[in-house]
């Protein structure tokens, strides 16, 4: 993941959380039933914008009548926003407030994480009419528990960001509501070279969520989004994406990481199948298998959206997949390797 940094790094001392925050505790009151958690250290987060973003340390910068209490992460509209930390969603309004769509998450580490200026447009427009379906990822609502790395929303320019570039305003707060500078933790997130098997799997419960596919009202659908489809004259099974596209399973091994059997496959007419454009290939579900290709000895962990992360040593493979890790390694045919992209290596 490549970041673009506009200003120099903060001084080393700013990386450490102020001592006064270390003893903070959040309670049930106002946190939508979230359990009381004592902050025991600085935030350990993943970067909340998929693929990285342009940002600098604008925490404390003057704004109209106030100071900036977060960092603005500049990225294109509809870029997936990921949960920087797991926890419980405590705020996600379905009617857009004046400041734009927003998600607040009571983190499982005791901090509160705010995501503001979430998308409010119909994809491909700046109409402000997208509503919550294009703001939040499916299933995101107050009271829902999310895992670190889960897709929760899309970058936008809602609220008082309409006159600016699309971006995510990202905040970290302690229990009394005091905002702390996210910048050092965002920088640290871009340098994390570990891997969380359970989080990788949980972040992609469906192929739609793994690929970040959404419904476009202008696209005519010839199948039910999220369904498995085939025709009466062929045994080939496809995935019907929310974007109206047809996605191919390259082999049985890939299919088996998403489905246990073929019981949910729906049969549609040959004419309807022909009307669904081929949109790409399905990749392995994250977290379940290790993969390689025959022409390369490297073994990779699979992360979200077909991102391969080289597992650099046997010891690291054992750490994440156990002593029988080698049995989890499967070959990706060389012809399908181009469906994947290479991410950061797992080095510890």
Protein backbone atom coordinates (compact mmCIF):
# COMPACT_ATOMS: atom_id res chain seq x y z
CA UNK A 1 0.00 0.00 0.00
CA UNK A 2 1.53 3.29 -1.04
CA UNK A 3 0.84 6.49 0.86
CA UNK A 4 1.45 10.03 -0.20
CA UNK A 5 2.59 12.28 2.61
CA UNK A 6 2.45 16.02 2.07
CA UNK A 7 4.24 17.17 5.24
CA UNK A 8 7.13 15.75 7.25
CA UNK A 9 6.55 13.16 9.94
CA UNK A 10 5.68 14.39 13.42
CA UNK A 11 8.40 14.43 16.01
CA UNK A 12 8.88 11.05 17.67
CA UNK A 13 7.35 12.29 20.89
CA UNK A 14 3.95 12.77 19.29
CA UNK A 15 3.66 9.02 18.63
CA UNK A 16 2.96 8.39 22.30
CA UNK A 17 -0.48 8.94 23.71
CA UNK A 18 -0.71 11.67 26.37
CA UNK A 19 -0.55 10.14 29.82
CA UNK A 20 -3.90 11.62 30.80
CA UNK A 21 -5.64 9.40 28.23
CA UNK A 22 -4.17 6.17 29.51
CA UNK A 23 -6.56 5.90 32.45
CA UNK A 24 -9.73 6.76 30.53
CA UNK A 25 -12.63 4.32 30.54
CA UNK A 26 -15.78 4.45 28.44
CA UNK A 27 -19.02 3.24 29.97
CA UNK A 28 -22.33 1.98 28.64
CA UNK A 29 -23.94 5.43 28.75
CA UNK A 30 -24.22 6.85 25.26
CA UNK A 31 -22.27 4.02 23.65
CA UNK A 32 -25.21 1.89 22.52
CA UNK A 33 -24.65 -0.83 25.07
CA UNK A 34 -20.94 -1.19 24.36
CA UNK A 35 -19.09 -2.87 27.23
CA UNK A 36 -16.83 -0.81 29.49
CA UNK A 37 -13.25 -0.99 28.24
CA UNK A 38 -10.16 0.48 29.85
CA UNK A 39 -7.65 2.04 27.50
CA UNK A 40 -4.40 0.16 28.05
CA UNK A 41 -2.21 1.64 25.32
CA UNK A 42 -2.12 3.74 22.18
CA UNK A 43 -4.52 2.96 19.31
CA UNK A 44 -3.49 0.03 17.12
CA UNK A 45 -5.38 0.54 13.89
CA UNK A 46 -5.36 -0.41 10.24
CA UNK A 47 -5.53 2.35 7.64
CA UNK A 48 -9.24 3.21 7.21
CA UNK A 49 -9.19 3.96 3.45
CA UNK A 50 -8.66 0.96 1.20
CA UNK A 51 -5.55 1.42 -0.92
CA UNK A 52 -4.26 4.39 1.09
CA UNK A 53 -4.90 8.11 0.74
CA UNK A 54 -3.24 11.50 0.48
CA UNK A 55 -3.04 13.11 3.91
CA UNK A 56 -0.96 15.25 6.23
CA UNK A 57 -1.14 16.30 9.86
CA UNK A 58 -3.94 18.86 9.76
CA UNK A 59 -5.07 18.10 13.32
CA UNK A 60 -5.62 21.39 15.18
CA UNK A 61 -5.68 23.43 11.96
CA UNK A 62 -8.06 26.42 12.09
CA UNK A 63 -11.52 25.95 10.66
CA UNK A 64 -14.53 28.27 10.59
CA UNK A 65 -15.25 28.83 14.29
CA UNK A 66 -13.30 25.82 15.49
CA UNK A 67 -10.14 23.79 15.08
CA UNK A 68 -9.80 20.59 13.07
CA UNK A 69 -10.15 17.55 15.35
CA UNK A 70 -9.08 14.83 12.92
CA UNK A 71 -7.14 14.15 9.74
CA UNK A 72 -8.59 14.43 6.23
CA UNK A 73 -7.75 11.40 4.09
CA UNK A 74 -8.18 12.40 0.44
CA UNK A 75 -9.35 9.61 -1.86
CA UNK A 76 -11.79 9.17 -4.79
CA UNK A 77 -15.50 8.90 -4.16
CA UNK A 78 -16.76 5.38 -3.49
CA UNK A 79 -13.37 4.18 -2.25
CA UNK A 80 -14.20 1.65 0.49
CA UNK A 81 -13.83 2.83 4.07
CA UNK A 82 -12.65 0.11 6.46
CA UNK A 83 -13.07 -0.17 10.22
CA UNK A 84 -9.75 1.05 11.62
CA UNK A 85 -10.56 -0.90 14.75
CA UNK A 86 -13.25 -3.42 15.63
CA UNK A 87 -16.07 -2.46 17.97
CA UNK A 88 -19.73 -1.50 18.12
CA UNK A 89 -21.41 1.00 15.81
CA UNK A 90 -22.93 3.66 18.05
CA UNK A 91 -24.04 6.22 15.46
CA UNK A 92 -24.94 5.96 11.76
CA UNK A 93 -27.81 8.32 10.86
CA UNK A 94 -30.09 7.39 7.96
CA UNK A 95 -31.12 11.03 7.47
CA UNK A 96 -28.07 13.04 6.42
CA UNK A 97 -27.04 15.59 9.08
CA UNK A 98 -25.70 19.04 8.13
CA UNK A 99 -22.13 17.75 8.52
CA UNK A 100 -22.78 14.75 6.29
CA UNK A 101 -23.20 11.03 6.77
CA UNK A 102 -21.11 9.72 9.64
CA UNK A 103 -20.28 6.53 11.51
CA UNK A 104 -19.10 6.40 15.12
CA UNK A 105 -17.64 3.17 16.46
CA UNK A 106 -16.96 2.43 20.11
CA UNK A 107 -13.69 0.61 19.64
CA UNK A 108 -12.90 -2.63 21.43
CA UNK A 109 -9.74 -0.89 22.68
CA UNK A 110 -11.59 1.87 24.55
CA UNK A 111 -11.26 4.63 21.95
CA UNK A 112 -14.05 6.09 19.85
CA UNK A 113 -13.51 6.27 16.08
CA UNK A 114 -15.45 8.73 13.89
CA UNK A 115 -15.77 8.59 10.11
CA UNK A 116 -17.29 11.75 8.59
CA UNK A 117 -18.26 13.12 5.10
CA UNK A 118 -19.25 9.63 3.96
CA UNK A 119 -20.67 9.46 0.41
CA UNK A 120 -24.13 10.91 -0.24
CA UNK A 121 -24.19 10.74 -4.05
CA UNK A 122 -25.58 8.28 -6.55
CA UNK A 123 -22.46 6.61 -8.01
CA UNK A 124 -20.99 8.59 -10.88
CA UNK A 125 -22.79 11.83 -9.92
CA UNK A 126 -22.63 14.69 -7.43
CA UNK A 127 -26.39 14.78 -6.93
CA UNK A 128 -26.50 14.37 -3.13
CA UNK A 129 -29.32 11.86 -3.61
CA UNK A 130 -27.50 8.61 -2.90
CA UNK A 131 -29.03 8.10 0.52
CA UNK A 132 -27.79 5.65 3.14
CA UNK A 133 -27.54 2.77 0.63
CA UNK A 134 -24.54 4.50 -0.98
CA UNK A 135 -23.21 5.84 2.29
CA UNK A 136 -22.93 2.72 4.44
CA UNK A 137 -21.92 -0.83 3.56
CA UNK A 138 -24.75 -3.37 3.79
CA UNK A 139 -25.65 -4.27 7.37
CA UNK A 140 -24.05 -1.24 9.01
CA UNK A 141 -26.38 0.27 11.62
CA UNK A 142 -26.28 1.36 15.28
CA UNK A 143 -25.73 -1.60 17.59
CA UNK A 144 -23.94 -3.75 15.00
CA UNK A 145 -20.54 -5.15 15.92
CA UNK A 146 -17.84 -4.81 13.27
CA UNK A 147 -14.39 -6.34 12.97
CA UNK A 148 -11.14 -4.54 12.25
CA UNK A 149 -10.75 -4.18 8.49
CA UNK A 150 -14.46 -4.69 7.72
CA UNK A 151 -15.92 -2.58 4.91
CA UNK A 152 -18.23 -0.06 6.62
CA UNK A 153 -18.83 2.80 4.16
CA UNK A 154 -17.61 4.73 1.10
CA UNK A 155 -15.56 7.90 0.78
CA UNK A 156 -17.57 10.95 -0.28
CA UNK A 157 -18.03 14.69 0.12
CA UNK A 158 -21.25 14.94 2.13
CA UNK A 159 -22.23 17.75 4.46
CA UNK A 160 -19.90 20.74 4.66
CA UNK A 161 -17.38 18.91 2.44
CA UNK A 162 -19.48 19.47 -0.72
CA UNK A 163 -17.24 22.38 -1.76
CA UNK A 164 -14.03 20.39 -1.26
CA UNK A 165 -12.48 17.26 -2.73
CA UNK A 166 -13.86 13.89 -1.66
CA UNK A 167 -12.23 12.71 1.54
CA UNK A 168 -12.72 10.90 4.83
CA UNK A 169 -12.50 13.01 7.96
CA UNK A 170 -11.14 10.52 10.52
CA UNK A 171 -11.13 11.10 14.28
CA UNK A 172 -9.95 9.23 17.38
CA UNK A 173 -11.42 10.29 20.74
CA UNK A 174 -11.03 9.21 24.35
CA UNK A 175 -13.90 8.62 26.78
CA UNK A 176 -14.51 12.22 27.75
CA UNK A 177 -14.82 13.20 24.11
CA UNK A 178 -11.38 14.72 23.76
CA UNK A 179 -9.94 14.25 20.28
CA UNK A 180 -6.36 13.05 19.89
CA UNK A 181 -4.22 13.45 16.79
CA UNK A 182 -4.72 10.38 14.52
CA UNK A 183 -1.68 11.19 12.36
CA UNK A 184 0.98 9.08 14.11
CA UNK A 185 -1.35 6.09 14.29
CA UNK A 186 -2.31 6.40 10.63
CA UNK A 187 1.39 6.44 9.77
CA UNK A 188 1.99 3.41 11.98
CA UNK A 189 -0.91 1.61 10.26
CA UNK A 190 0.81 1.97 6.92
CA UNK A 191 3.87 0.24 8.34
CA UNK A 192 2.15 -2.75 9.90
CA UNK A 193 3.38 -5.94 8.25
CA UNK A 194 1.49 -8.46 10.36
CA UNK A 195 -1.60 -10.40 9.33
CA UNK A 196 -4.82 -11.27 11.12
CA UNK A 197 -6.35 -14.43 9.67
CA UNK A 198 -9.71 -14.11 11.45
CA UNK A 199 -10.06 -10.41 10.62
CA UNK A 200 -9.23 -11.02 6.95
CA UNK A 201 -11.98 -13.63 6.70
CA UNK A 202 -14.54 -11.59 8.67
CA UNK A 203 -13.94 -8.50 6.51
CA UNK A 204 -15.18 -10.37 3.42
CA UNK A 205 -18.35 -12.31 4.27
CA UNK A 206 -19.50 -12.21 0.64
CA UNK A 207 -17.94 -11.79 -2.80
CA UNK A 208 -19.79 -8.46 -3.10
CA UNK A 209 -18.15 -7.16 0.07
CA UNK A 210 -14.76 -8.58 -0.90
CA UNK A 211 -14.81 -6.75 -4.24
CA UNK A 212 -16.69 -3.70 -2.97
CA UNK A 213 -19.54 -4.18 -5.47
CA UNK A 214 -22.66 -2.04 -5.13
CA UNK A 215 -26.00 -1.69 -6.89
CA UNK A 216 -26.22 0.95 -9.62
CA UNK A 217 -29.87 1.96 -10.22
CA UNK A 218 -29.15 2.66 -13.89
CA UNK A 219 -28.00 -0.92 -14.50
CA UNK A 220 -30.62 -3.44 -15.58
CA UNK A 221 -30.30 -6.58 -13.47
CA UNK A 222 -30.94 -9.99 -15.00
CA UNK A 223 -30.16 -11.95 -11.81
CA UNK A 224 -30.47 -11.52 -8.06
CA UNK A 225 -27.38 -9.74 -6.66
CA UNK A 226 -25.35 -12.09 -4.49
CA UNK A 227 -26.82 -15.25 -6.00
CA UNK A 228 -25.17 -18.20 -7.72
CA UNK A 229 -26.49 -18.79 -11.22
CA UNK A 230 -26.30 -21.28 -14.08
CA UNK A 231 -28.32 -22.22 -17.15
CA UNK A 232 -30.16 -25.50 -17.85
CA UNK A 233 -27.68 -26.38 -20.59
CA UNK A 234 -24.40 -25.80 -18.76
CA UNK A 235 -22.87 -26.91 -15.48
CA UNK A 236 -20.84 -23.69 -15.17
CA UNK A 237 -21.76 -21.66 -12.07
CA UNK A 238 -21.34 -17.89 -11.85
CA UNK A 239 -21.70 -15.28 -9.13
CA UNK A 240 -24.18 -12.46 -9.73
CA UNK A 241 -22.54 -9.26 -8.51
CA UNK A 242 -24.43 -6.30 -7.10
CA UNK A 243 -23.08 -4.27 -10.02
CA UNK A 244 -25.05 -6.45 -12.44
CA UNK A 245 -21.96 -8.31 -13.63
CA UNK A 246 -21.29 -12.02 -13.91
CA UNK A 247 -18.23 -13.31 -12.06
CA UNK A 248 -16.40 -16.51 -12.94
CA UNK A 249 -15.01 -19.09 -10.51
CA UNK A 250 -11.62 -20.01 -12.03
CA UNK A 251 -11.63 -23.45 -10.43
CA UNK A 252 -13.30 -25.65 -7.83
CA UNK A 253 -10.77 -24.68 -5.15
CA UNK A 254 -11.72 -21.02 -5.39
CA UNK A 255 -15.43 -21.90 -5.22
CA UNK A 256 -14.86 -24.05 -2.12
CA UNK A 257 -13.50 -21.11 -0.13
CA UNK A 258 -16.85 -19.34 -0.53
CA UNK A 259 -19.43 -22.17 -0.61
CA UNK A 260 -19.72 -25.63 0.92
CA UNK A 261 -21.92 -27.07 -1.84
CA UNK A 262 -24.12 -26.15 -4.82
CA UNK A 263 -27.46 -26.21 -3.01
CA UNK A 264 -28.08 -22.47 -3.41
CA UNK A 265 -27.42 -22.32 -7.17
CA UNK A 266 -30.34 -20.82 -9.14
CA UNK A 267 -31.13 -21.73 -12.73
CA UNK A 268 -31.89 -18.87 -15.12
CA UNK A 269 -32.63 -18.82 -18.82
CA UNK A 270 -29.90 -18.88 -21.41
CA UNK A 271 -31.19 -15.51 -22.67
CA UNK A 272 -30.92 -13.91 -19.22
CA UNK A 273 -27.43 -15.34 -18.74
CA UNK A 274 -26.31 -13.91 -22.08
CA UNK A 275 -27.61 -10.49 -21.02
CA UNK A 276 -25.34 -10.45 -17.94
CA UNK A 277 -21.90 -9.07 -18.88
CA UNK A 278 -18.81 -10.94 -17.76
CA UNK A 279 -17.22 -8.64 -15.18
CA UNK A 280 -14.24 -10.58 -13.85
CA UNK A 281 -13.07 -13.59 -11.89
CA UNK A 282 -13.68 -14.50 -8.27
CA UNK A 283 -10.57 -14.69 -6.11
CA UNK A 284 -9.95 -16.80 -3.00
CA UNK A 285 -11.82 -15.77 0.11
CA UNK A 286 -9.37 -13.99 2.47
CA UNK A 287 -8.04 -15.80 5.51
CA UNK A 288 -8.85 -19.39 4.57
CA UNK A 289 -5.98 -20.57 2.41
CA UNK A 290 -2.39 -19.89 1.50
CA UNK A 291 -1.67 -19.79 -2.22
CA UNK A 292 1.22 -19.92 -4.68
CA UNK A 293 1.86 -20.37 -8.39
CA UNK A 294 3.94 -23.17 -9.86
CA UNK A 295 6.54 -20.83 -11.33
CA UNK A 296 7.23 -19.01 -8.05
CA UNK A 297 8.24 -20.61 -4.72
CA UNK A 298 6.71 -17.79 -2.66
CA UNK A 299 3.70 -18.61 -0.51
CA UNK A 300 1.08 -15.89 -0.06
CA UNK A 301 -1.67 -15.14 2.42
CA UNK A 302 -4.85 -13.83 0.77
CA UNK A 303 -6.17 -10.47 1.93
CA UNK A 304 -9.20 -8.46 0.86
CA UNK A 305 -10.07 -8.02 -2.82
CA UNK A 306 -7.52 -10.50 -4.14
CA UNK A 307 -4.52 -8.93 -2.43
CA UNK A 308 -1.64 -11.40 -1.97
CA UNK A 309 0.78 -10.91 0.91
CA UNK A 310 4.01 -12.88 0.81
CA UNK A 311 4.57 -14.92 3.97
CA UNK A 312 8.31 -14.45 4.21
CA UNK A 313 9.33 -17.30 6.55
CA UNK A 314 8.16 -20.73 7.65
CA UNK A 315 8.00 -19.48 11.25
CA UNK A 316 5.51 -16.78 10.24
CA UNK A 317 3.40 -19.33 8.35
CA UNK A 318 3.30 -21.48 11.51
CA UNK A 319 2.40 -18.42 13.60
CA UNK A 320 -0.70 -17.65 11.58
CA UNK A 321 -1.78 -21.02 10.17
CA UNK A 322 -0.34 -23.56 12.63
CA UNK A 323 2.11 -26.42 12.20
CA UNK A 324 0.03 -27.90 9.36
CA UNK A 325 0.17 -24.68 7.35
CA UNK A 326 1.64 -26.47 4.31
CA UNK A 327 -1.63 -28.41 3.90
CA UNK A 328 -3.43 -25.09 3.41
CA UNK A 329 -1.30 -24.10 0.41
CA UNK A 330 -3.07 -24.30 -2.96
CA UNK A 331 -1.84 -23.49 -6.46
CA UNK A 332 -3.33 -20.64 -8.42
CA UNK A 333 -3.12 -21.40 -12.15
CA UNK A 334 -0.62 -19.03 -13.74
CA UNK A 335 -3.27 -17.78 -16.17
CA UNK A 336 -5.40 -16.55 -13.25
CA UNK A 337 -2.57 -14.97 -11.25
CA UNK A 338 -3.33 -11.66 -12.96
CA UNK A 339 -6.64 -11.58 -11.05
CA UNK A 340 -4.63 -10.83 -7.92
CA UNK A 341 -2.48 -7.92 -6.85
CA UNK A 342 0.58 -7.98 -4.60
CA UNK A 343 0.33 -6.20 -1.26
CA UNK A 344 2.72 -5.74 1.64
CA UNK A 345 4.67 -8.80 2.73
CA UNK A 346 3.96 -10.38 6.13
CA UNK A 347 7.27 -10.07 7.96
CA UNK A 348 6.39 -10.59 11.61
